[in-house]
Amino acid sequence: MDGLGIRKWFLDREITGADVARKAGVSRSLVSKILKGKCSGETIETALRDFGCPEELLKKSDAA
């Protein structure tokens, strides 16, 4: 997952990690950890897709 790309995408659309956390029913800290690559979460990915996040930002990176 391209955490930096997703954060930029958030800013461009005025979406916050809290918005995604609410939609996914998880904590903001979990959203942050997932975007930093410290863990993974299908629920978060689903919420990001619901917000319209591009699939290329959700793909697993080679570095992960």
Protein backbone atom coordinates (compact mmCIF):
# COMPACT_ATOMS: atom_id res chain seq x y z
CA MET A 1 0.00 0.00 0.00
CA ASP A 2 1.29 3.45 -0.90
CA GLY A 3 0.74 5.20 2.44
CA LEU A 4 2.24 8.50 1.31
CA GLY A 5 0.20 8.46 -1.88
CA ILE A 6 -2.96 7.73 0.08
CA ARG A 7 -2.22 10.58 2.51
CA LYS A 8 -1.81 12.96 -0.45
CA TRP A 9 -5.04 11.60 -1.92
CA PHE A 10 -6.71 12.31 1.47
CA LEU A 11 -5.48 15.93 1.42
CA ASP A 12 -6.63 16.49 -2.16
CA ARG A 13 -10.14 15.33 -1.20
CA GLU A 14 -10.29 16.69 2.35
CA ILE A 15 -10.65 13.18 3.79
CA THR A 16 -9.09 12.42 7.17
CA GLY A 17 -7.83 9.26 8.77
CA ALA A 18 -10.67 9.74 11.26
CA ASP A 19 -13.20 9.65 8.40
CA VAL A 20 -11.79 6.33 7.21
CA ALA A 21 -11.61 4.98 10.78
CA ARG A 22 -15.29 5.83 11.38
CA LYS A 23 -16.34 4.19 8.12
CA ALA A 24 -14.29 1.07 8.89
CA GLY A 25 -15.30 0.96 12.56
CA VAL A 26 -11.69 1.03 13.78
CA SER A 27 -9.42 3.47 15.62
CA ARG A 28 -7.55 6.31 13.94
CA SER A 29 -4.31 4.82 15.25
CA LEU A 30 -4.98 1.59 13.35
CA VAL A 31 -5.52 3.56 10.14
CA SER A 32 -2.21 5.33 10.77
CA LYS A 33 -0.36 2.06 11.41
CA ILE A 34 -1.73 0.55 8.21
CA LEU A 35 -0.73 3.61 6.15
CA LYS A 36 2.77 3.41 7.66
CA GLY A 37 2.97 -0.25 6.64
CA LYS A 38 3.23 -1.54 10.21
CA CYS A 39 0.23 -3.84 9.78
CA SER A 40 -2.46 -4.64 7.24
CA GLY A 41 -6.20 -4.47 7.36
CA GLU A 42 -8.77 -5.54 4.81
CA THR A 43 -11.45 -3.51 6.60
CA ILE A 44 -9.43 -0.33 6.09
CA GLU A 45 -8.81 -1.17 2.44
CA THR A 46 -12.55 -1.69 1.95
CA ALA A 47 -13.30 1.68 3.57
CA LEU A 48 -10.69 3.36 1.35
CA ARG A 49 -12.29 1.78 -1.72
CA ASP A 50 -15.69 3.04 -0.54
CA PHE A 51 -14.23 6.57 -0.46
CA GLY A 52 -12.99 6.02 -4.04
CA CYS A 53 -9.30 5.48 -3.36
CA PRO A 54 -7.53 4.41 -6.57
CA GLU A 55 -6.55 0.73 -6.68
CA GLU A 56 -2.95 1.57 -7.64
CA LEU A 57 -2.51 3.20 -4.22
CA LEU A 58 -3.85 0.09 -2.49
CA LYS A 59 -1.57 -2.41 -4.23
CA LYS A 60 1.07 -4.12 -2.14
CA SER A 61 4.44 -2.49 -2.64
CA ASP A 62 7.53 -4.55 -3.45
CA ALA A 63 9.22 -3.17 -0.32
CA ALA A 64 6.55 -4.58 2.00
